[in-house]
């Protein structure tokens, strides 16, 4: 579906000149080699993400600049300068090497709440030359076991409560040699635990960061599992070039910004853009430990005078659900730039941001496998609601057919990216044949369906395996969901194809309602009529079920395969990343 409404880039909303004032000129002149020269390399082949994010600032005027402002659920505040992060991460690196026996390339996983120690620990792990893996703290025992077992993790960093949560699976992890426990509440630890606090007290502040090669493994992110069993996507130290460049030019970070990425460090956004992107740029970032609350989030934006805010479509829809009047109770004038990622941002959410927040919400697209932002809406460019934007300078994206040939503007096909960008994943851990299958004729095949328009904007249609075949028409669920969300009663929608003997598949929608609306047959028919006016007969939902909420991964993506499995009575498959699993 085309959305002719365009939100014009608003130059007057910027206190400073945007980093990309001219998109085409930037694309023409962009060189990854020039970007890499801005970072702190040891030499032409050796770089370390931990060094770039922390220690590289020690010889600059950013040494004593705030790197991290952390507020707990209870309102406690802790602040860390870049010098603090450098010293503390040195201490943790010494713990890994001297007390946990960690060697270069060993895997160190973090199953920890959103506390300062996770940031210190990850930087220290990288400086020690080990590979870190983040685990979302809401995971259940099975999800943690699968990832630790698959990765052959040697060390786990966790807390007393989370260790108790997974106690049953620990004996079945033959490669796990040491558990480091962050004990903020002074619980009694098990005899074989290594106390983070005690070890940090005795560890030296001096550590020689391992001169890792740019192609040495650094990060192991397990995919979110929307389409099947999570896979360990492995990234290298060279990925920091992509983190740095995209944080600078897409998030439009400037030296005086206060930046807030709402993503948990257990997910790829929470590391690429909750650590490495902002800190490689020397930016102060705010982190809030607490759970989502619309009122609390607005309060945090006001209190810390956040200037750049990076969040997710699910969060934006929850803010919408909380009402249009609430934002006006807070002073949000400090917010200069708002970005969104995680799944496509529905056009209605973009229009809501403009109407209610007075802020243009800039969607962008990337994946766990790409490691950094690939396609984006830039700070001063026109926004086409529902569009992913345009490729990042240095990135060649295209729409290709099943023979891997490029398609012209307007035609739907497979979204693909030309290989060779710095943050591209290097393998699926233990599944290299599967990894190789994702590359054809110089393209990385993303698994998404999309199209371009005449101005080079990319428009997401669906995951390739979500496409619905209704009476010979290929329908992307995102298109239908976006139309449904324009109905005044609809807060969220999830759409699947349901087998039908005549049309192959009919479209069924699962809808959650906004406050003040009650489910009923009259409302169901009204929503159907509303959708019918905006969609073709084949694309309009034939069936609608009202639900309290939609199944999502803990990173906020709607799990349509679960909706379909439950509807058809099929096995649910892997649910390790399911919200409230």
Protein backbone atom coordinates (compact mmCIF):
# COMPACT_ATOMS: atom_id res chain seq x y z
CA UNK A 1 0.00 0.00 0.00
CA UNK A 2 1.23 3.50 -0.83
CA UNK A 3 1.03 6.24 1.78
CA UNK A 4 1.12 9.55 -0.11
CA UNK A 5 1.40 11.51 3.13
CA UNK A 6 4.99 12.63 3.54
CA UNK A 7 6.44 14.17 6.67
CA UNK A 8 8.89 16.80 5.56
CA UNK A 9 12.34 16.86 7.12
CA UNK A 10 12.28 19.60 9.74
CA UNK A 11 15.51 21.58 9.75
CA UNK A 12 14.20 23.98 12.37
CA UNK A 13 14.01 21.17 14.95
CA UNK A 14 17.78 20.79 15.06
CA UNK A 15 20.02 22.77 17.37
CA UNK A 16 23.03 21.55 15.43
CA UNK A 17 23.64 20.81 11.78
CA UNK A 18 22.60 17.20 11.01
CA UNK A 19 25.45 14.82 10.20
CA UNK A 20 23.86 13.98 6.83
CA UNK A 21 22.63 17.27 5.33
CA UNK A 22 22.78 15.89 1.78
CA UNK A 23 22.06 12.18 1.37
CA UNK A 24 23.20 11.74 -2.22
CA UNK A 25 26.43 13.67 -1.71
CA UNK A 26 27.15 11.54 1.37
CA UNK A 27 26.56 8.32 -0.61
CA UNK A 28 28.81 9.49 -3.43
CA UNK A 29 31.70 10.39 -1.13
CA UNK A 30 31.41 7.72 1.57
CA UNK A 31 34.33 5.31 2.07
CA UNK A 32 34.51 2.67 4.80
CA UNK A 33 38.30 3.09 4.81
CA UNK A 34 37.98 6.74 5.78
CA UNK A 35 35.50 5.90 8.54
CA UNK A 36 37.82 3.22 9.95
CA UNK A 37 40.67 5.75 10.16
CA UNK A 38 38.62 7.73 12.71
CA UNK A 39 38.79 4.85 15.21
CA UNK A 40 41.56 3.80 17.57
CA UNK A 41 43.38 0.97 15.81
CA UNK A 42 46.44 -0.71 17.29
CA UNK A 43 47.76 -1.09 13.73
CA UNK A 44 46.30 -1.82 10.27
CA UNK A 45 45.06 -5.29 11.22
CA UNK A 46 44.35 -5.07 14.95
CA UNK A 47 41.45 -3.38 16.71
CA UNK A 48 39.44 -4.14 19.85
CA UNK A 49 35.88 -2.98 20.42
CA UNK A 50 36.41 -2.62 24.18
CA UNK A 51 39.40 -0.37 23.58
CA UNK A 52 37.51 1.77 21.04
CA UNK A 53 34.48 2.18 23.33
CA UNK A 54 36.37 3.11 26.49
CA UNK A 55 40.17 3.45 26.52
CA UNK A 56 40.41 5.40 23.26
CA UNK A 57 38.89 8.41 25.02
CA UNK A 58 41.49 8.57 27.79
CA UNK A 59 43.92 10.73 25.83
CA UNK A 60 41.18 13.17 24.78
CA UNK A 61 39.01 15.78 26.46
CA UNK A 62 36.40 13.05 26.90
CA UNK A 63 38.41 11.28 29.59
CA UNK A 64 36.28 12.65 32.42
CA UNK A 65 33.10 13.01 30.39
CA UNK A 66 30.08 11.03 31.58
CA UNK A 67 29.75 7.86 29.55
CA UNK A 68 26.89 6.23 31.47
CA UNK A 69 24.07 7.62 33.59
CA UNK A 70 22.15 4.74 35.15
CA UNK A 71 18.89 4.97 37.09
CA UNK A 72 17.44 1.97 38.91
CA UNK A 73 13.81 0.98 39.20
CA UNK A 74 13.85 2.54 42.69
CA UNK A 75 15.32 5.84 41.50
CA UNK A 76 18.96 5.26 42.53
CA UNK A 77 21.42 6.97 40.19
CA UNK A 78 24.99 5.95 39.35
CA UNK A 79 27.27 7.76 36.91
CA UNK A 80 30.44 6.61 35.16
CA UNK A 81 32.99 8.56 33.14
CA UNK A 82 34.94 7.03 30.28
CA UNK A 83 37.92 6.86 32.66
CA UNK A 84 35.77 4.91 35.13
CA UNK A 85 34.67 2.45 32.45
CA UNK A 86 38.26 1.95 31.29
CA UNK A 87 39.52 1.14 34.81
CA UNK A 88 36.59 -1.05 35.80
CA UNK A 89 36.68 -3.02 32.55
CA UNK A 90 40.43 -3.55 33.07
CA UNK A 91 39.63 -5.03 36.47
CA UNK A 92 37.05 -7.38 34.98
CA UNK A 93 39.43 -8.45 32.23
CA UNK A 94 41.95 -9.37 34.94
CA UNK A 95 39.28 -11.43 36.73
CA UNK A 96 38.54 -13.39 33.57
CA UNK A 97 42.19 -14.08 32.81
CA UNK A 98 43.56 -14.62 36.31
CA UNK A 99 40.64 -16.13 38.22
CA UNK A 100 38.42 -17.72 35.56
CA UNK A 101 41.18 -18.98 33.25
CA UNK A 102 39.69 -17.34 30.18
CA UNK A 103 41.77 -17.55 27.01
CA UNK A 104 41.49 -15.64 23.77
CA UNK A 105 38.39 -16.82 21.88
CA UNK A 106 36.64 -18.37 24.90
CA UNK A 107 32.94 -17.60 25.23
CA UNK A 108 31.72 -15.53 28.18
CA UNK A 109 27.94 -15.15 28.45
CA UNK A 110 25.98 -12.59 30.45
CA UNK A 111 22.64 -13.51 32.00
CA UNK A 112 22.20 -10.39 34.04
CA UNK A 113 19.75 -7.61 34.76
CA UNK A 114 20.22 -4.17 33.22
CA UNK A 115 22.77 -3.01 35.79
CA UNK A 116 26.10 -1.16 35.31
CA UNK A 117 28.07 -4.35 35.84
CA UNK A 118 26.86 -5.80 32.54
CA UNK A 119 28.38 -2.88 30.63
CA UNK A 120 31.64 -3.09 32.55
CA UNK A 121 31.76 -6.87 32.11
CA UNK A 122 31.15 -6.85 28.37
CA UNK A 123 33.85 -4.25 27.76
CA UNK A 124 36.26 -6.25 29.94
CA UNK A 125 35.44 -9.47 28.10
CA UNK A 126 36.26 -7.86 24.77
CA UNK A 127 39.50 -6.36 26.11
CA UNK A 128 40.51 -9.84 27.30
CA UNK A 129 40.11 -11.16 23.75
CA UNK A 130 37.16 -13.38 24.65
CA UNK A 131 33.83 -13.61 22.83
CA UNK A 132 30.81 -12.30 24.72
CA UNK A 133 27.22 -13.46 24.39
CA UNK A 134 24.26 -11.56 25.86
CA UNK A 135 21.22 -13.36 27.27
CA UNK A 136 18.00 -11.51 28.04
CA UNK A 137 17.32 -11.62 31.78
CA UNK A 138 13.68 -12.70 31.26
CA UNK A 139 14.73 -15.94 29.53
CA UNK A 140 13.64 -19.19 31.10
CA UNK A 141 15.96 -22.11 31.92
CA UNK A 142 15.52 -23.88 28.57
CA UNK A 143 16.43 -20.78 26.54
CA UNK A 144 19.56 -20.21 28.63
CA UNK A 145 20.59 -23.87 28.44
CA UNK A 146 20.20 -24.02 24.68
CA UNK A 147 22.48 -21.03 24.13
CA UNK A 148 25.11 -21.91 26.71
CA UNK A 149 25.29 -25.50 25.49
CA UNK A 150 25.39 -24.57 21.81
CA UNK A 151 28.09 -21.93 22.29
CA UNK A 152 30.19 -24.07 24.67
CA UNK A 153 30.34 -21.10 27.01
CA UNK A 154 33.18 -21.27 29.53
CA UNK A 155 32.01 -18.51 31.89
CA UNK A 156 28.58 -17.25 32.89
CA UNK A 157 28.08 -13.87 34.56
CA UNK A 158 24.78 -13.67 36.41
CA UNK A 159 23.07 -12.61 39.65
CA UNK A 160 21.91 -14.71 42.64
CA UNK A 161 18.22 -14.57 41.67
CA UNK A 162 18.86 -15.41 38.04
CA UNK A 163 21.21 -18.24 38.98
CA UNK A 164 18.49 -19.74 41.16
CA UNK A 165 16.12 -19.45 38.21
CA UNK A 166 18.36 -21.67 36.04
CA UNK A 167 19.87 -23.89 38.74
CA UNK A 168 18.38 -27.04 37.23
CA UNK A 169 20.21 -26.66 33.90
CA UNK A 170 23.71 -25.90 35.20
CA UNK A 171 24.79 -29.55 35.75
CA UNK A 172 24.05 -30.28 32.08
CA UNK A 173 26.58 -27.73 30.78
CA UNK A 174 29.89 -29.62 30.53
CA UNK A 175 31.85 -26.65 29.14
CA UNK A 176 30.80 -24.19 31.82
CA UNK A 177 33.74 -23.85 34.20
CA UNK A 178 33.04 -20.70 36.21
CA UNK A 179 30.04 -18.65 37.31
CA UNK A 180 30.69 -15.05 38.29
CA UNK A 181 27.89 -13.64 40.44
CA UNK A 182 27.05 -9.92 40.63
CA UNK A 183 25.63 -9.59 44.11
CA UNK A 184 24.04 -6.15 44.46
CA UNK A 185 21.68 -7.28 47.25
CA UNK A 186 24.32 -9.06 49.38
CA UNK A 187 22.72 -12.49 49.07
CA UNK A 188 24.48 -15.56 50.39
CA UNK A 189 26.44 -17.05 47.49
CA UNK A 190 27.06 -20.70 46.72
CA UNK A 191 30.51 -21.97 47.69
CA UNK A 192 31.65 -22.41 44.09
CA UNK A 193 30.50 -18.96 42.93
CA UNK A 194 33.06 -16.30 42.13
CA UNK A 195 31.89 -13.06 43.74
CA UNK A 196 32.08 -10.17 41.28
CA UNK A 197 32.42 -7.62 44.07
CA UNK A 198 35.18 -9.46 45.94
CA UNK A 199 37.10 -10.21 42.76
CA UNK A 200 36.84 -6.60 41.56
CA UNK A 201 38.15 -5.41 44.91
CA UNK A 202 41.38 -7.39 44.55
CA UNK A 203 41.81 -7.04 40.76
CA UNK A 204 44.39 -4.66 39.31
CA UNK A 205 43.29 -1.58 37.37
CA UNK A 206 46.08 -2.23 34.89
CA UNK A 207 45.47 -4.53 31.95
CA UNK A 208 47.06 -4.77 28.53
CA UNK A 209 44.14 -5.05 26.13
CA UNK A 210 44.56 -8.00 23.79
CA UNK A 211 45.46 -6.77 20.30
CA UNK A 212 42.71 -8.69 18.58
CA UNK A 213 42.74 -9.00 14.81
CA UNK A 214 39.93 -7.19 13.03
CA UNK A 215 38.54 -10.60 11.97
CA UNK A 216 38.75 -12.17 15.44
CA UNK A 217 35.37 -13.22 16.83
CA UNK A 218 33.98 -10.71 19.35
CA UNK A 219 30.21 -11.10 19.71
CA UNK A 220 27.76 -13.99 19.54
CA UNK A 221 24.14 -12.90 19.20
CA UNK A 222 21.42 -15.51 19.08
CA UNK A 223 18.63 -14.58 16.67
CA UNK A 224 15.25 -13.81 18.19
CA UNK A 225 13.52 -16.96 16.97
CA UNK A 226 10.56 -15.42 15.12
CA UNK A 227 10.89 -18.02 12.36
CA UNK A 228 12.51 -20.99 14.07
CA UNK A 229 15.27 -22.16 16.41
CA UNK A 230 17.59 -19.30 17.44
CA UNK A 231 21.00 -19.35 15.76
CA UNK A 232 24.28 -17.91 17.03
CA UNK A 233 25.27 -15.12 14.64
CA UNK A 234 28.95 -14.35 15.18
CA UNK A 235 30.44 -10.88 14.65
CA UNK A 236 34.05 -9.71 14.65
CA UNK A 237 35.91 -6.74 16.14
CA UNK A 238 35.83 -5.01 12.75
CA UNK A 239 32.07 -4.60 13.27
CA UNK A 240 32.70 -1.52 15.41
CA UNK A 241 33.28 0.48 12.21
CA UNK A 242 29.62 -0.10 11.31
CA UNK A 243 28.45 0.68 14.85
CA UNK A 244 30.41 3.91 14.90
CA UNK A 245 29.37 5.15 11.45
CA UNK A 246 25.66 4.37 11.73
CA UNK A 247 25.38 5.81 15.24
CA UNK A 248 26.96 9.00 13.96
CA UNK A 249 25.01 9.38 10.73
CA UNK A 250 21.66 7.62 11.37
CA UNK A 251 21.17 8.35 15.06
CA UNK A 252 22.77 11.72 14.30
CA UNK A 253 24.79 11.76 17.52
CA UNK A 254 26.65 14.94 18.45
CA UNK A 255 29.14 15.57 21.23
CA UNK A 256 26.67 17.25 23.61
CA UNK A 257 23.85 14.72 23.21
CA UNK A 258 22.22 12.74 26.00
CA UNK A 259 21.25 9.50 24.30
CA UNK A 260 18.76 6.85 25.42
CA UNK A 261 18.48 3.44 23.76
CA UNK A 262 15.60 1.60 25.41
CA UNK A 263 16.74 -1.85 24.19
CA UNK A 264 17.96 -4.34 26.77
CA UNK A 265 21.65 -5.34 26.49
CA UNK A 266 20.43 -8.92 26.08
CA UNK A 267 19.56 -8.05 22.47
CA UNK A 268 21.65 -6.90 19.53
CA UNK A 269 20.24 -3.35 19.55
CA UNK A 270 21.19 -3.05 23.22
CA UNK A 271 24.84 -3.79 22.44
CA UNK A 272 25.35 -2.30 18.96
CA UNK A 273 23.50 0.89 19.91
CA UNK A 274 23.30 0.63 23.70
CA UNK A 275 27.10 0.42 24.02
CA UNK A 276 29.37 0.35 21.00
CA UNK A 277 27.74 2.91 18.71
CA UNK A 278 27.37 5.73 21.25
CA UNK A 279 30.58 5.04 23.16
CA UNK A 280 32.76 4.76 20.07
CA UNK A 281 31.45 8.27 19.32
CA UNK A 282 32.21 9.46 22.86
CA UNK A 283 28.54 10.09 23.71
CA UNK A 284 26.86 10.20 27.12
CA UNK A 285 24.09 7.66 27.34
CA UNK A 286 21.29 7.17 29.84
CA UNK A 287 20.12 3.71 30.87
CA UNK A 288 16.93 3.02 32.82
CA UNK A 289 16.72 -0.28 34.68
CA UNK A 290 12.96 -0.25 35.17
CA UNK A 291 10.27 -1.96 33.15
CA UNK A 292 8.11 -0.17 30.62
CA UNK A 293 5.69 2.44 31.90
CA UNK A 294 4.49 5.19 29.58
CA UNK A 295 4.40 7.75 32.39
CA UNK A 296 7.83 6.72 33.67
CA UNK A 297 9.40 6.83 30.21
CA UNK A 298 8.10 10.34 29.59
CA UNK A 299 9.40 11.31 33.02
CA UNK A 300 12.86 9.95 32.17
CA UNK A 301 12.96 11.88 28.89
CA UNK A 302 12.11 15.06 30.78
CA UNK A 303 14.33 14.46 33.81
CA UNK A 304 17.53 13.63 31.92
CA UNK A 305 16.86 16.02 29.04
CA UNK A 306 17.33 13.23 26.51
CA UNK A 307 18.15 14.58 23.05
CA UNK A 308 18.34 11.39 20.95
CA UNK A 309 15.94 8.53 21.66
CA UNK A 310 16.17 5.08 20.05
CA UNK A 311 13.27 2.77 20.78
CA UNK A 312 11.04 0.08 19.23
CA UNK A 313 7.69 -0.07 17.41
CA UNK A 314 6.17 -2.16 20.21
CA UNK A 315 7.08 0.53 22.74
CA UNK A 316 5.68 3.26 20.50
CA UNK A 317 2.40 1.36 20.12
CA UNK A 318 2.25 0.96 23.91
CA UNK A 319 2.79 4.70 24.29
CA UNK A 320 -0.05 5.24 21.81
CA UNK A 321 -2.25 2.90 23.83
CA UNK A 322 -1.58 4.97 26.97
CA UNK A 323 -3.36 7.93 25.40
CA UNK A 324 -2.71 11.13 23.51
CA UNK A 325 -3.04 13.40 26.56
CA UNK A 326 -0.23 11.91 28.65
CA UNK A 327 2.79 13.29 26.73
CA UNK A 328 1.53 16.86 27.24
CA UNK A 329 2.06 16.50 30.98
CA UNK A 330 5.84 16.38 30.43
CA UNK A 331 8.41 18.72 28.92
CA UNK A 332 9.82 16.80 25.95
CA UNK A 333 11.39 19.79 24.22
CA UNK A 334 14.93 18.46 24.71
CA UNK A 335 14.22 15.53 22.37
CA UNK A 336 15.76 16.36 19.00
CA UNK A 337 15.78 13.04 17.14
CA UNK A 338 13.68 9.87 17.56
CA UNK A 339 14.49 6.56 15.85
CA UNK A 340 12.78 3.17 15.88
CA UNK A 341 13.90 -0.38 15.11
CA UNK A 342 13.03 -4.01 15.80
CA UNK A 343 10.24 -4.55 13.31
CA UNK A 344 8.61 -2.25 10.74
CA UNK A 345 7.01 0.86 12.20
CA UNK A 346 3.39 1.08 11.12
CA UNK A 347 2.44 4.30 9.30
CA UNK A 348 -0.16 5.13 11.96
CA UNK A 349 2.59 5.19 14.60
CA UNK A 350 4.66 7.60 12.49
CA UNK A 351 1.68 9.92 12.10
CA UNK A 352 0.93 9.66 15.82
CA UNK A 353 4.47 10.76 16.69
CA UNK A 354 4.12 13.80 14.47
CA UNK A 355 0.64 14.66 15.75
CA UNK A 356 0.96 13.93 19.48
CA UNK A 357 4.67 14.15 20.31
CA UNK A 358 5.49 16.75 17.70
CA UNK A 359 8.40 14.49 16.74
CA UNK A 360 9.19 12.74 13.49
CA UNK A 361 9.90 9.08 14.26
CA UNK A 362 12.61 7.77 11.93
CA UNK A 363 12.31 4.06 11.25
CA UNK A 364 15.31 2.01 10.18
CA UNK A 365 15.99 -1.58 9.19
CA UNK A 366 18.70 -4.06 10.05
CA UNK A 367 19.02 -7.58 11.47
CA UNK A 368 20.99 -9.51 14.05
CA UNK A 369 23.01 -10.85 11.13
CA UNK A 370 23.81 -7.43 9.62
CA UNK A 371 25.16 -6.14 12.94
CA UNK A 372 24.38 -2.51 12.21
CA UNK A 373 21.79 -0.34 10.49
CA UNK A 374 21.48 -1.00 6.75
CA UNK A 375 18.51 1.14 5.64
CA UNK A 376 17.25 4.25 7.39
CA UNK A 377 15.23 7.43 7.42
CA UNK A 378 17.76 10.21 8.03
CA UNK A 379 17.47 13.24 10.25
CA UNK A 380 16.32 15.90 7.77
CA UNK A 381 14.97 13.75 4.95
CA UNK A 382 11.30 13.44 4.13
CA UNK A 383 9.69 10.47 5.85
CA UNK A 384 7.25 8.28 3.96
CA UNK A 385 5.22 6.62 6.73
CA UNK A 386 5.65 2.87 6.48
CA UNK A 387 8.98 3.09 4.67
CA UNK A 388 12.27 1.73 6.00
CA UNK A 389 14.07 4.64 4.30
CA UNK A 390 17.13 4.52 2.05
CA UNK A 391 20.34 2.44 2.23
CA UNK A 392 23.11 3.69 4.46
CA UNK A 393 26.08 5.20 2.59
CA UNK A 394 28.48 2.35 1.85
CA UNK A 395 25.63 -0.16 1.68
CA UNK A 396 24.17 -1.52 -1.56
CA UNK A 397 20.70 -2.96 -1.04
CA UNK A 398 18.42 -4.32 -3.73
CA UNK A 399 15.19 -6.14 -4.48
CA UNK A 400 15.92 -9.38 -6.32
CA UNK A 401 13.89 -12.19 -7.85
CA UNK A 402 14.31 -15.91 -7.19
CA UNK A 403 17.12 -16.00 -9.77
CA UNK A 404 18.97 -13.31 -7.77
CA UNK A 405 18.53 -10.66 -10.46
CA UNK A 406 17.54 -7.12 -9.48
CA UNK A 407 13.96 -5.99 -9.96
CA UNK A 408 12.86 -2.48 -10.95
CA UNK A 409 11.14 -0.02 -8.63
CA UNK A 410 7.61 -0.99 -7.68
CA UNK A 411 8.07 -4.75 -7.96
CA UNK A 412 7.98 -6.90 -4.85
CA UNK A 413 10.87 -9.29 -4.32
CA UNK A 414 13.53 -10.52 -1.92
CA UNK A 415 15.40 -7.87 0.03
CA UNK A 416 19.15 -8.45 -0.31
CA UNK A 417 22.37 -6.63 0.55
CA UNK A 418 25.67 -6.74 -1.33
CA UNK A 419 28.29 -8.42 0.86
CA UNK A 420 31.35 -6.81 2.37
CA UNK A 421 30.19 -4.30 4.99
CA UNK A 422 32.24 -4.30 8.24
CA UNK A 423 29.54 -5.48 10.66
CA UNK A 424 28.34 -8.42 8.54
CA UNK A 425 28.15 -11.61 10.58
CA UNK A 426 30.86 -14.14 9.78
CA UNK A 427 29.10 -17.40 10.59
CA UNK A 428 26.26 -19.11 12.42
CA UNK A 429 28.03 -20.83 15.30
CA UNK A 430 28.34 -24.53 14.50
CA UNK A 431 26.12 -24.16 11.41
CA UNK A 432 28.41 -22.90 8.67
CA UNK A 433 26.52 -24.68 5.88
CA UNK A 434 23.37 -22.81 6.92
CA UNK A 435 25.42 -19.60 6.94
CA UNK A 436 26.67 -20.22 3.40
CA UNK A 437 23.12 -20.78 2.20
CA UNK A 438 22.29 -17.15 3.01
CA UNK A 439 24.64 -15.86 0.29
CA UNK A 440 23.95 -16.04 -3.45
CA UNK A 441 25.76 -14.30 -6.32
CA UNK A 442 27.34 -11.70 -4.06
CA UNK A 443 24.10 -10.97 -2.18
CA UNK A 444 23.22 -11.62 1.45
CA UNK A 445 19.63 -12.91 1.32
CA UNK A 446 17.84 -11.34 4.28
CA UNK A 447 14.68 -13.45 4.26
CA UNK A 448 12.52 -10.31 4.01
CA UNK A 449 10.22 -9.28 1.18
CA UNK A 450 10.15 -5.63 0.12
CA UNK A 451 9.97 -3.20 -2.80
CA UNK A 452 11.47 0.16 -3.69
CA UNK A 453 9.78 3.27 -5.04
CA UNK A 454 10.96 5.75 -7.67
CA UNK A 455 12.82 7.81 -5.05
CA UNK A 456 14.83 4.88 -3.74
CA UNK A 457 12.87 4.38 -0.51
CA UNK A 458 12.51 0.75 0.60
CA UNK A 459 9.13 -0.56 1.76
CA UNK A 460 8.92 -3.68 3.90
CA UNK A 461 6.25 -6.21 2.97
CA UNK A 462 6.82 -9.28 5.14
CA UNK A 463 9.18 -12.01 6.13
CA UNK A 464 9.46 -14.34 3.14
CA UNK A 465 7.84 -17.17 5.08
CA UNK A 466 4.98 -14.89 6.26
CA UNK A 467 3.68 -14.11 2.77
CA UNK A 468 0.02 -15.06 2.37
CA UNK A 469 -1.29 -16.51 -0.90
CA UNK A 470 -4.91 -15.42 -1.12
CA UNK A 471 -6.71 -16.25 -4.38
CA UNK A 472 -3.47 -15.99 -6.30
CA UNK A 473 -2.52 -12.67 -4.70
CA UNK A 474 0.63 -12.43 -2.59
CA UNK A 475 -0.22 -10.42 0.53
CA UNK A 476 2.25 -9.20 3.14
CA UNK A 477 0.82 -9.22 6.69
CA UNK A 478 2.50 -5.91 7.57
CA UNK A 479 0.40 -4.12 4.94
CA UNK A 480 -2.83 -5.49 6.39
CA UNK A 481 -1.75 -4.88 10.00
CA UNK A 482 -0.89 -1.26 9.20
CA UNK A 483 -4.36 -0.63 7.75
CA UNK A 484 -6.05 -2.28 10.72
CA UNK A 485 -4.09 -0.04 13.09
CA UNK A 486 -5.60 3.02 11.41
CA UNK A 487 -8.99 2.01 12.79
CA UNK A 488 -9.63 4.12 15.92
CA UNK A 489 -10.31 1.04 18.08
CA UNK A 490 -7.24 -1.01 17.14
CA UNK A 491 -4.08 -0.88 19.25
CA UNK A 492 -2.20 -3.79 17.66
CA UNK A 493 -2.85 -6.39 14.99
CA UNK A 494 -1.28 -9.65 13.87
CA UNK A 495 -2.23 -11.26 10.57
CA UNK A 496 -1.84 -14.81 9.26
CA UNK A 497 -2.94 -16.87 6.26
CA UNK A 498 -5.42 -19.62 7.11
CA UNK A 499 -5.77 -22.57 4.69
CA UNK A 500 -8.88 -22.43 2.50
CA UNK A 501 -9.96 -25.01 -0.14
CA UNK A 502 -11.06 -22.33 -2.62
CA UNK A 503 -8.67 -19.38 -2.25
CA UNK A 504 -5.63 -21.34 -0.91
CA UNK A 505 -5.52 -19.02 2.11
CA UNK A 506 -7.85 -16.52 3.70
CA UNK A 507 -6.56 -13.72 5.87
CA UNK A 508 -7.25 -13.87 9.57
CA UNK A 509 -6.45 -10.98 11.92
CA UNK A 510 -5.86 -11.04 15.66
CA UNK A 511 -6.62 -7.64 17.14
CA UNK A 512 -6.05 -6.04 20.55
CA UNK A 513 -8.16 -2.99 21.33
CA UNK A 514 -7.40 0.44 22.74
CA UNK A 515 -8.77 1.46 26.11
CA UNK A 516 -12.45 2.34 26.01
CA UNK A 517 -13.39 -0.19 23.32
CA UNK A 518 -15.15 -3.47 24.00
CA UNK A 519 -15.00 -6.52 21.71
CA UNK A 520 -18.19 -7.48 19.94
CA UNK A 521 -19.63 -8.56 16.60
CA UNK A 522 -20.59 -5.01 15.62
CA UNK A 523 -17.05 -3.77 16.15
CA UNK A 524 -15.66 -6.78 14.31
CA UNK A 525 -17.81 -6.03 11.26
CA UNK A 526 -16.92 -2.35 11.41
CA UNK A 527 -13.20 -3.18 11.35
CA UNK A 528 -13.73 -5.52 8.39
CA UNK A 529 -15.57 -2.80 6.46
CA UNK A 530 -12.86 -0.30 7.33
CA UNK A 531 -10.16 -2.63 6.01
CA UNK A 532 -12.17 -3.52 2.89
CA UNK A 533 -12.29 0.14 1.84
CA UNK A 534 -8.49 0.41 2.02
CA UNK A 535 -7.41 -3.00 0.76
CA UNK A 536 -8.24 -5.26 -2.14
CA UNK A 537 -10.80 -8.01 -1.63
CA UNK A 538 -7.97 -10.56 -1.45
CA UNK A 539 -6.02 -8.58 1.17
CA UNK A 540 -8.86 -7.71 3.56
CA UNK A 541 -9.28 -10.00 6.58
CA UNK A 542 -12.15 -12.47 6.38
CA UNK A 543 -11.91 -13.39 10.04
CA UNK A 544 -11.06 -11.33 13.13
CA UNK A 545 -10.43 -12.54 16.67
CA UNK A 546 -10.07 -10.12 19.57
CA UNK A 547 -7.17 -10.87 21.92
CA UNK A 548 -5.80 -9.16 25.02
CA UNK A 549 -2.28 -9.14 23.58
CA UNK A 550 -0.25 -10.60 20.74
CA UNK A 551 2.57 -13.13 21.21
CA UNK A 552 5.90 -11.36 20.80
CA UNK A 553 9.53 -12.10 21.23
CA UNK A 554 11.09 -10.33 24.17
CA UNK A 555 12.64 -7.95 21.67
CA UNK A 556 9.12 -6.93 20.61
CA UNK A 557 8.55 -8.72 17.30
CA UNK A 558 5.14 -10.24 16.66
CA UNK A 559 5.46 -14.03 16.41
CA UNK A 560 3.01 -14.73 13.60
CA UNK A 561 4.12 -18.35 13.38
CA UNK A 562 2.76 -18.85 16.93
CA UNK A 563 -0.55 -17.26 15.97
CA UNK A 564 -0.75 -19.63 13.03
CA UNK A 565 0.32 -22.71 15.00
CA UNK A 566 -2.28 -22.05 17.70
CA UNK A 567 -5.00 -21.37 15.12
CA UNK A 568 -4.26 -24.61 13.24
CA UNK A 569 -3.48 -26.74 16.28
CA UNK A 570 0.13 -27.30 15.23
CA UNK A 571 3.21 -27.71 17.43
CA UNK A 572 4.45 -24.33 18.67
CA UNK A 573 8.12 -25.07 17.98
CA UNK A 574 10.82 -23.08 19.73
CA UNK A 575 9.35 -20.51 22.14
CA UNK A 576 12.53 -19.65 24.02
CA UNK A 577 12.33 -15.98 23.07
CA UNK A 578 8.60 -15.63 23.64
CA UNK A 579 7.51 -12.78 25.89
CA UNK A 580 6.22 -14.16 29.21
CA UNK A 581 7.19 -17.69 28.12
